[in-house]
Amino acid sequence: MSASTVVDQDASGAFAERMLGALNEASLVIMTSVGHRTGLFDALDANPDTTSMELAEAANLNERYVREWLAAMTTGRVVEFAPATGRYRLPPEHAVWLTRRASPDNLAVAAQFIPVTATVEDDIVHAFRNGGGVPYERYARFHEVMAEESAQTVGSVLFTHILPLVPGLEERLEQGIRVADLGCGRGASLLALARRFPQSSFTGYDFSADTVEYARARAADEGADNLTYEVRDLTTFDADATPESFDFITTFDAVHDQADPLALLTGIRRALAEDGIYLMQDIAGSSHVHENLEHPGGTFLYTVSCMHCMPVSLEQGGEGLGTLWGEQKARELLEAAGFESVEISQLEHDPFNAYYVVRP
C-alpha cells in the first residue's frame, strides 16, 4: 500500500466484520454437514427438549462430540439452549430447513458440498500454479452427495413438476418409447421412470464405473428389466451416438462439467428422433458475472465451480465452462448443436436450476 493511499476506516472495519462473519458462517456450514450425516438434526427434531447425553443416546453417538457440536449450533443461533435446565431445542422454524423430513427443502444436504470440495484444496492450489485440473476420483463422496441432492431437486418432483413441462410426454412413456439419461450418476431418477413406465426402455450412461455399478445393483434388486446402465465417456458422443436411437433424452446437472459440452449436445441432437425431446436441467444464472451479483447462491455456485465442475473438465483437456456457464452460453451451444426450439422454465422449489425443453 502506497503512502498516498487513504483508507476509509469505517469501510475497512465493516469489511473486517464481514470476513469474521464469513468465517463463522463457513464453520456453521461444516457443522451443518456433520449434523446431517450423523442424523443429529433428525434426532433433535424427534427429541425437541433434550440434554447432550440424551441426544447422543438417541442418535447412537459419542456424547463429547455431540456436546461440542451443540455448542457450535447454539452460538450459530441454529439450536436454542436453556442454561437453567441444560437442555437443547431445535426450533420448528429451523427444522423445516434442516431435517430429512423437510426434503426437498433440506439445506443441510447442500451444506455437504463445502467439506467435500474442500478435500481437494491442495490439488486446486496446485492447479492455480500449474494449470490443469483434478480428476473425478479425487472427490470422495461427491457422487453420493450429488445423488442425495438430485433426490431433492429432481426425484421428489419428477412426476409432479418435471415431466409435465413436456405436454404429452407421460402418454408417450406409457405407450413405450426409448429413453436415455446421460451423466446418470447413481441412476435414481431413471430407475423411478423405469418402474413407472414398464412399456418404455431406459438407458443410463455415466463416466464413473463405481456409480454405474451401484446403479446396476439397485436396478437388479428392484427387477427393472427395462433399464440398462453403461460406463461411457461422453467426450466423443457427437461421433459415437447412433442416429435417432432415442425418443427422449435427459441430462440433470451434467452438461457444464463435460470435457466437450458442444460434442455432448451435438451427439444428443444426433441420437434424438426427429420428433424427440431433450430435457436439460442445469444451473440457472447468467453467463456474465455482473448479472449474477443478486443470485441467491452466486458465491456458493462459483466456489463449487472453481473447486469441482471447472477442474474436472480441465483435467480431461476440456473447456472448463464452470457451473454458472449461464443461459446465454447454453442457448449458444444448443443452437450450434442443431437444436431449433428451446423453452426454459424454473420450478418454485428449486431456485438454483433451470429446465430446458429442447426440440430439433
Protein backbone atom coordinates (compact mmCIF):
# COMPACT_ATOMS: atom_id res chain seq x y z
CA MET A 1 0.00 0.00 0.00
CA SER A 2 1.46 3.32 -1.05
CA ALA A 3 1.89 6.23 1.37
CA SER A 4 -0.74 8.20 -0.57
CA THR A 5 -3.41 5.57 -0.16
CA VAL A 6 -6.26 6.75 2.04
CA VAL A 7 -8.15 4.03 3.90
CA ASP A 8 -11.75 4.60 4.88
CA GLN A 9 -11.56 3.24 8.41
CA ASP A 10 -15.31 2.72 8.72
CA ALA A 11 -15.44 0.78 5.46
CA SER A 12 -12.35 -1.19 6.44
CA GLY A 13 -13.82 -2.06 9.83
CA ALA A 14 -17.10 -3.11 8.25
CA PHE A 15 -15.23 -5.38 5.84
CA ALA A 16 -13.28 -6.97 8.69
CA GLU A 17 -16.55 -7.67 10.50
CA ARG A 18 -17.97 -9.16 7.34
CA MET A 19 -15.00 -11.52 6.90
CA LEU A 20 -15.17 -12.58 10.54
CA GLY A 21 -18.84 -13.29 9.98
CA ALA A 22 -17.91 -15.31 6.92
CA LEU A 23 -15.55 -17.44 9.00
CA ASN A 24 -18.33 -18.14 11.45
CA GLU A 25 -20.84 -18.90 8.71
CA ALA A 26 -18.41 -21.18 6.86
CA SER A 27 -17.77 -23.05 10.12
CA LEU A 28 -21.52 -23.35 10.62
CA VAL A 29 -21.86 -24.92 7.17
CA ILE A 30 -19.30 -27.60 8.08
CA MET A 31 -21.12 -28.34 11.30
CA THR A 32 -24.40 -28.43 9.38
CA SER A 33 -22.95 -31.11 7.12
CA VAL A 34 -21.81 -33.09 10.17
CA GLY A 35 -25.24 -32.73 11.74
CA HIS A 36 -26.88 -34.07 8.60
CA ARG A 37 -24.53 -37.01 8.13
CA THR A 38 -24.75 -38.10 11.76
CA GLY A 39 -28.53 -37.70 11.93
CA LEU A 40 -28.32 -35.14 14.72
CA PHE A 41 -30.85 -32.77 13.19
CA ASP A 42 -33.33 -35.62 12.84
CA ALA A 43 -32.67 -36.73 16.42
CA LEU A 44 -33.20 -33.18 17.67
CA ASP A 45 -36.41 -33.00 15.67
CA ALA A 46 -37.65 -36.22 17.28
CA ASN A 47 -36.48 -35.15 20.76
CA PRO A 48 -37.36 -31.44 20.96
CA ASP A 49 -36.19 -30.85 24.54
CA THR A 50 -33.03 -32.80 25.27
CA THR A 51 -29.66 -32.86 27.01
CA SER A 52 -26.46 -33.63 25.16
CA MET A 53 -26.37 -37.09 26.77
CA GLU A 54 -29.96 -37.87 25.82
CA LEU A 55 -29.34 -36.67 22.27
CA ALA A 56 -26.15 -38.74 21.96
CA GLU A 57 -28.02 -41.82 23.11
CA ALA A 58 -30.91 -41.16 20.73
CA ALA A 59 -28.52 -40.77 17.79
CA ASN A 60 -26.14 -43.53 18.98
CA LEU A 61 -23.20 -41.12 19.01
CA ASN A 62 -20.36 -40.09 21.34
CA GLU A 63 -21.64 -37.56 23.87
CA ARG A 64 -18.48 -35.41 23.99
CA TYR A 65 -18.62 -34.79 20.26
CA VAL A 66 -22.35 -34.19 20.37
CA ARG A 67 -21.89 -31.61 23.13
CA GLU A 68 -19.29 -29.70 21.14
CA TRP A 69 -21.44 -29.82 18.02
CA LEU A 70 -24.36 -28.47 20.03
CA ALA A 71 -22.14 -25.61 21.23
CA ALA A 72 -21.37 -24.65 17.64
CA MET A 73 -25.05 -24.89 16.70
CA THR A 74 -26.04 -22.81 19.72
CA THR A 75 -23.56 -20.00 19.08
CA GLY A 76 -24.57 -20.20 15.42
CA ARG A 77 -28.17 -19.49 16.51
CA VAL A 78 -29.42 -22.73 14.94
CA VAL A 79 -30.13 -24.58 18.19
CA GLU A 80 -31.54 -22.99 21.35
CA PHE A 81 -30.06 -23.73 24.80
CA ALA A 82 -31.64 -23.27 28.25
CA PRO A 83 -28.81 -22.79 30.79
CA ALA A 84 -31.10 -23.39 33.76
CA THR A 85 -32.00 -26.90 32.61
CA GLY A 86 -29.06 -27.76 30.35
CA ARG A 87 -31.48 -28.73 27.58
CA TYR A 88 -31.34 -28.06 23.84
CA ARG A 89 -34.05 -27.42 21.30
CA LEU A 90 -34.20 -27.21 17.50
CA PRO A 91 -36.92 -24.64 16.71
CA PRO A 92 -39.54 -25.95 14.29
CA GLU A 93 -38.85 -22.96 12.03
CA HIS A 94 -35.29 -24.32 11.62
CA ALA A 95 -36.27 -27.98 11.44
CA VAL A 96 -38.24 -27.39 8.23
CA TRP A 97 -34.95 -26.50 6.50
CA LEU A 98 -32.53 -28.95 8.13
CA THR A 99 -34.15 -32.36 8.60
CA ARG A 100 -34.73 -35.29 6.30
CA ARG A 101 -38.48 -34.90 6.68
CA ALA A 102 -38.05 -31.40 5.21
CA SER A 103 -36.89 -32.73 1.83
CA PRO A 104 -36.90 -31.31 -0.84
CA ASP A 105 -36.16 -28.19 1.23
CA ASN A 106 -33.37 -29.72 3.35
CA LEU A 107 -30.50 -27.22 3.03
CA ALA A 108 -28.24 -29.48 5.10
CA VAL A 109 -27.87 -31.70 2.03
CA ALA A 110 -26.28 -28.85 0.04
CA ALA A 111 -24.04 -27.99 3.01
CA GLN A 112 -22.12 -31.21 2.31
CA PHE A 113 -20.65 -29.75 -0.89
CA ILE A 114 -18.40 -27.41 1.09
CA PRO A 115 -16.45 -30.03 3.10
CA VAL A 116 -16.46 -32.44 0.14
CA THR A 117 -14.88 -29.94 -2.25
CA ALA A 118 -12.50 -28.70 0.45
CA THR A 119 -10.81 -32.12 0.47
CA VAL A 120 -9.14 -31.24 -2.85
CA GLU A 121 -7.86 -27.81 -1.81
CA ASP A 122 -4.23 -28.88 -2.25
CA ASP A 123 -5.00 -30.12 -5.77
CA ILE A 124 -6.76 -26.87 -6.62
CA VAL A 125 -3.87 -24.75 -5.34
CA HIS A 126 -1.52 -26.86 -7.47
CA ALA A 127 -3.78 -26.26 -10.48
CA PHE A 128 -3.79 -22.50 -9.82
CA ARG A 129 0.00 -22.54 -10.02
CA ASN A 130 0.49 -25.07 -12.80
CA GLY A 131 -2.77 -25.28 -14.74
CA GLY A 132 -4.59 -28.49 -15.45
CA GLY A 133 -7.42 -29.92 -13.41
CA VAL A 134 -8.45 -32.51 -10.83
CA PRO A 135 -9.75 -36.00 -11.70
CA TYR A 136 -13.20 -37.18 -10.60
CA GLU A 137 -11.78 -39.90 -8.39
CA ARG A 138 -10.15 -37.34 -6.07
CA TYR A 139 -13.56 -36.23 -4.83
CA ALA A 140 -14.59 -38.58 -2.04
CA ARG A 141 -18.36 -38.84 -1.61
CA PHE A 142 -19.15 -36.41 -4.43
CA HIS A 143 -21.41 -38.85 -6.29
CA GLU A 144 -23.10 -39.77 -3.02
CA VAL A 145 -23.86 -36.14 -2.22
CA MET A 146 -24.96 -35.42 -5.79
CA ALA A 147 -27.36 -38.37 -5.62
CA GLU A 148 -28.86 -37.02 -2.42
CA GLU A 149 -29.17 -33.52 -3.84
CA SER A 150 -30.70 -34.89 -7.05
CA ALA A 151 -33.24 -36.84 -4.99
CA GLN A 152 -34.39 -33.48 -3.61
CA THR A 153 -34.36 -31.33 -6.73
CA VAL A 154 -35.31 -33.98 -9.30
CA GLY A 155 -36.60 -37.17 -7.71
CA SER A 156 -39.10 -35.53 -5.37
CA VAL A 157 -40.89 -33.69 -8.20
CA LEU A 158 -40.09 -35.83 -11.23
CA PHE A 159 -43.68 -36.85 -11.87
CA THR A 160 -45.48 -33.86 -10.38
CA HIS A 161 -43.48 -30.98 -11.89
CA ILE A 162 -40.74 -32.05 -14.31
CA LEU A 163 -42.47 -34.43 -16.73
CA PRO A 164 -45.45 -32.04 -17.04
CA LEU A 165 -43.06 -29.47 -18.52
CA VAL A 166 -43.43 -31.51 -21.73
CA PRO A 167 -47.11 -31.85 -22.71
CA GLY A 168 -47.98 -35.36 -23.83
CA LEU A 169 -44.74 -36.90 -22.59
CA GLU A 170 -46.30 -39.13 -19.96
CA GLU A 171 -48.70 -40.58 -22.52
CA ARG A 172 -45.78 -41.41 -24.82
CA LEU A 173 -43.89 -43.01 -21.94
CA GLU A 174 -46.92 -45.13 -21.09
CA GLN A 175 -47.19 -46.32 -24.70
CA GLY A 176 -43.47 -47.11 -24.88
CA ILE A 177 -40.53 -45.01 -26.08
CA ARG A 178 -36.72 -45.15 -25.90
CA VAL A 179 -35.21 -43.02 -23.11
CA ALA A 180 -31.62 -42.15 -22.21
CA ASP A 181 -30.16 -40.25 -19.27
CA LEU A 182 -26.62 -39.01 -19.90
CA GLY A 183 -24.38 -38.46 -16.88
CA CYS A 184 -26.89 -40.51 -14.90
CA GLY A 185 -24.80 -40.89 -11.73
CA ARG A 186 -26.39 -43.44 -9.42
CA GLY A 187 -29.45 -43.52 -11.64
CA ALA A 188 -32.23 -43.00 -9.12
CA SER A 189 -34.40 -40.86 -11.39
CA LEU A 190 -34.01 -43.24 -14.31
CA LEU A 191 -34.94 -46.16 -12.07
CA ALA A 192 -38.06 -44.33 -10.93
CA LEU A 193 -39.05 -43.74 -14.56
CA ALA A 194 -38.40 -47.38 -15.47
CA ARG A 195 -40.65 -48.57 -12.64
CA ARG A 196 -43.41 -46.12 -13.56
CA PHE A 197 -43.38 -46.81 -17.31
CA PRO A 198 -42.70 -50.53 -17.95
CA GLN A 199 -43.53 -50.27 -21.67
CA SER A 200 -40.61 -47.89 -22.28
CA SER A 201 -36.91 -48.79 -22.37
CA PHE A 202 -34.31 -46.83 -20.44
CA THR A 203 -30.53 -46.46 -20.77
CA GLY A 204 -28.19 -44.61 -18.44
CA TYR A 205 -24.65 -43.52 -19.33
CA ASP A 206 -22.03 -42.32 -16.88
CA PHE A 207 -18.27 -41.80 -16.87
CA SER A 208 -17.82 -43.35 -13.41
CA ALA A 209 -17.60 -47.13 -13.21
CA ASP A 210 -18.35 -47.04 -9.48
CA THR A 211 -21.63 -45.17 -9.90
CA VAL A 212 -22.70 -47.39 -12.79
CA GLU A 213 -22.01 -50.48 -10.70
CA TYR A 214 -24.09 -49.01 -7.86
CA ALA A 215 -26.94 -48.17 -10.27
CA ARG A 216 -26.89 -51.65 -11.84
CA ALA A 217 -27.04 -53.35 -8.45
CA ARG A 218 -30.02 -51.27 -7.36
CA ALA A 219 -31.87 -51.85 -10.63
CA ALA A 220 -31.25 -55.59 -10.32
CA ASP A 221 -32.56 -55.59 -6.76
CA GLU A 222 -35.78 -53.99 -7.95
CA GLY A 223 -36.14 -56.19 -11.02
CA ALA A 224 -36.12 -53.32 -13.51
CA ASP A 225 -35.51 -55.35 -16.67
CA ASN A 226 -36.35 -52.42 -18.98
CA LEU A 227 -33.34 -50.50 -17.70
CA THR A 228 -29.63 -50.76 -18.52
CA TYR A 229 -26.60 -48.75 -17.43
CA GLU A 230 -23.34 -48.35 -19.32
CA VAL A 231 -19.96 -46.86 -18.48
CA ARG A 232 -19.41 -44.35 -21.26
CA ASP A 233 -17.16 -41.37 -21.85
CA LEU A 234 -19.38 -38.75 -23.48
CA THR A 235 -16.48 -36.64 -24.77
CA THR A 236 -16.91 -38.01 -28.32
CA PHE A 237 -20.66 -38.54 -28.17
CA ASP A 238 -21.09 -36.38 -31.28
CA ALA A 239 -19.33 -39.08 -33.32
CA ASP A 240 -20.33 -42.15 -31.29
CA ALA A 241 -24.08 -41.63 -30.94
CA THR A 242 -26.31 -43.84 -33.06
CA PRO A 243 -28.62 -41.61 -35.14
CA GLU A 244 -32.22 -41.37 -33.94
CA SER A 245 -31.73 -44.04 -31.28
CA PHE A 246 -33.78 -42.30 -28.55
CA ASP A 247 -37.13 -40.54 -28.32
CA PHE A 248 -36.45 -38.77 -25.04
CA ILE A 249 -33.04 -37.79 -23.64
CA THR A 250 -32.33 -36.16 -20.29
CA THR A 251 -29.31 -34.63 -18.59
CA PHE A 252 -29.55 -33.49 -14.99
CA ASP A 253 -26.82 -31.05 -13.97
CA ALA A 254 -24.41 -32.87 -16.29
CA VAL A 255 -23.54 -30.72 -19.31
CA HIS A 256 -21.42 -27.88 -17.93
CA ASP A 257 -18.67 -30.06 -16.42
CA GLN A 258 -18.17 -32.22 -19.53
CA ALA A 259 -14.84 -32.06 -21.33
CA ASP A 260 -16.62 -31.03 -24.53
CA PRO A 261 -20.18 -29.80 -23.84
CA LEU A 262 -20.81 -28.99 -27.51
CA ALA A 263 -19.83 -32.52 -28.54
CA LEU A 264 -22.27 -33.91 -25.99
CA LEU A 265 -25.10 -31.66 -27.16
CA THR A 266 -24.32 -32.40 -30.82
CA GLY A 267 -24.39 -36.11 -30.01
CA ILE A 268 -27.73 -35.69 -28.26
CA ARG A 269 -29.10 -33.99 -31.37
CA ARG A 270 -27.74 -36.85 -33.48
CA ALA A 271 -29.19 -39.53 -31.18
CA LEU A 272 -32.60 -37.89 -30.90
CA ALA A 273 -35.50 -38.93 -33.13
CA GLU A 274 -36.92 -36.16 -35.29
CA ASP A 275 -39.99 -35.94 -33.06
CA GLY A 276 -37.87 -36.45 -29.94
CA ILE A 277 -37.42 -34.25 -26.91
CA TYR A 278 -34.32 -33.33 -24.94
CA LEU A 279 -34.78 -32.18 -21.33
CA MET A 280 -31.74 -30.48 -19.82
CA GLN A 281 -31.61 -29.45 -16.18
CA ASP A 282 -28.65 -27.18 -15.48
CA ILE A 283 -27.68 -24.29 -13.24
CA ALA A 284 -29.86 -21.20 -13.55
CA GLY A 285 -27.99 -17.95 -13.99
CA SER A 286 -26.30 -15.61 -16.42
CA SER A 287 -23.13 -16.16 -18.40
CA HIS A 288 -21.99 -12.73 -17.18
CA VAL A 289 -20.68 -12.38 -13.62
CA HIS A 290 -22.07 -8.86 -13.12
CA GLU A 291 -25.57 -10.22 -13.79
CA ASN A 292 -25.17 -12.80 -11.02
CA LEU A 293 -24.50 -10.29 -8.22
CA GLU A 294 -28.02 -10.81 -6.86
CA HIS A 295 -28.08 -14.57 -7.49
CA PRO A 296 -29.18 -16.24 -4.21
CA GLY A 297 -26.34 -18.75 -4.47
CA GLY A 298 -23.81 -16.88 -6.59
CA THR A 299 -20.74 -17.19 -4.35
CA PHE A 300 -21.60 -20.79 -3.46
CA LEU A 301 -22.00 -21.79 -7.11
CA TYR A 302 -18.81 -20.08 -8.29
CA THR A 303 -16.97 -21.79 -5.42
CA VAL A 304 -18.29 -25.25 -6.33
CA SER A 305 -17.37 -24.41 -9.91
CA CYS A 306 -13.80 -23.50 -9.01
CA MET A 307 -13.40 -26.49 -6.71
CA HIS A 308 -15.13 -29.16 -8.81
CA CYS A 309 -17.01 -28.50 -12.06
CA MET A 310 -14.31 -26.49 -13.81
CA PRO A 311 -11.28 -28.60 -12.76
CA VAL A 312 -12.86 -31.97 -13.63
CA SER A 313 -13.49 -30.65 -17.13
CA LEU A 314 -9.98 -29.19 -17.42
CA GLU A 315 -8.48 -32.47 -16.22
CA GLN A 316 -9.93 -34.10 -19.34
CA GLY A 317 -8.48 -31.39 -21.56
CA GLY A 318 -11.89 -29.74 -21.68
CA GLU A 319 -13.24 -26.21 -21.83
CA GLY A 320 -13.89 -25.79 -18.12
CA LEU A 321 -17.14 -23.90 -18.68
CA GLY A 322 -17.88 -23.78 -14.99
CA THR A 323 -21.09 -24.13 -13.02
CA LEU A 324 -22.51 -20.73 -13.94
CA TRP A 325 -21.99 -21.10 -17.67
CA GLY A 326 -25.35 -19.39 -17.90
CA GLU A 327 -28.41 -19.21 -20.09
CA GLN A 328 -26.70 -17.22 -22.84
CA LYS A 329 -23.93 -19.79 -23.33
CA ALA A 330 -26.39 -22.66 -23.05
CA ARG A 331 -28.55 -21.19 -25.83
CA GLU A 332 -25.46 -20.60 -27.96
CA LEU A 333 -24.30 -24.21 -27.65
CA LEU A 334 -27.77 -25.68 -28.17
CA GLU A 335 -28.12 -23.69 -31.37
CA ALA A 336 -24.63 -24.74 -32.51
CA ALA A 337 -25.61 -28.36 -31.83
CA GLY A 338 -28.51 -28.05 -34.26
CA PHE A 339 -31.49 -27.51 -31.98
CA GLU A 340 -34.14 -25.03 -33.09
CA SER A 341 -36.63 -24.87 -30.22
CA VAL A 342 -35.60 -24.05 -26.64
CA GLU A 343 -38.04 -23.35 -23.80
CA ILE A 344 -36.72 -22.52 -20.31
CA SER A 345 -38.60 -22.97 -17.04
CA GLN A 346 -37.80 -22.80 -13.34
CA LEU A 347 -39.57 -24.68 -10.57
CA GLU A 348 -40.66 -22.91 -7.41
CA HIS A 349 -38.88 -25.31 -5.06
CA ASP A 350 -35.57 -25.07 -6.93
CA PRO A 351 -34.10 -21.57 -7.45
CA PHE A 352 -30.70 -22.97 -8.47
CA ASN A 353 -31.71 -24.88 -11.60
CA ALA A 354 -33.29 -24.14 -14.95
CA TYR A 355 -35.11 -26.70 -17.08
CA TYR A 356 -34.59 -26.53 -20.83
CA VAL A 357 -37.14 -28.31 -23.02
CA VAL A 358 -35.33 -28.66 -26.34
CA ARG A 359 -36.56 -29.93 -29.69
CA PRO A 360 -34.84 -30.47 -33.08
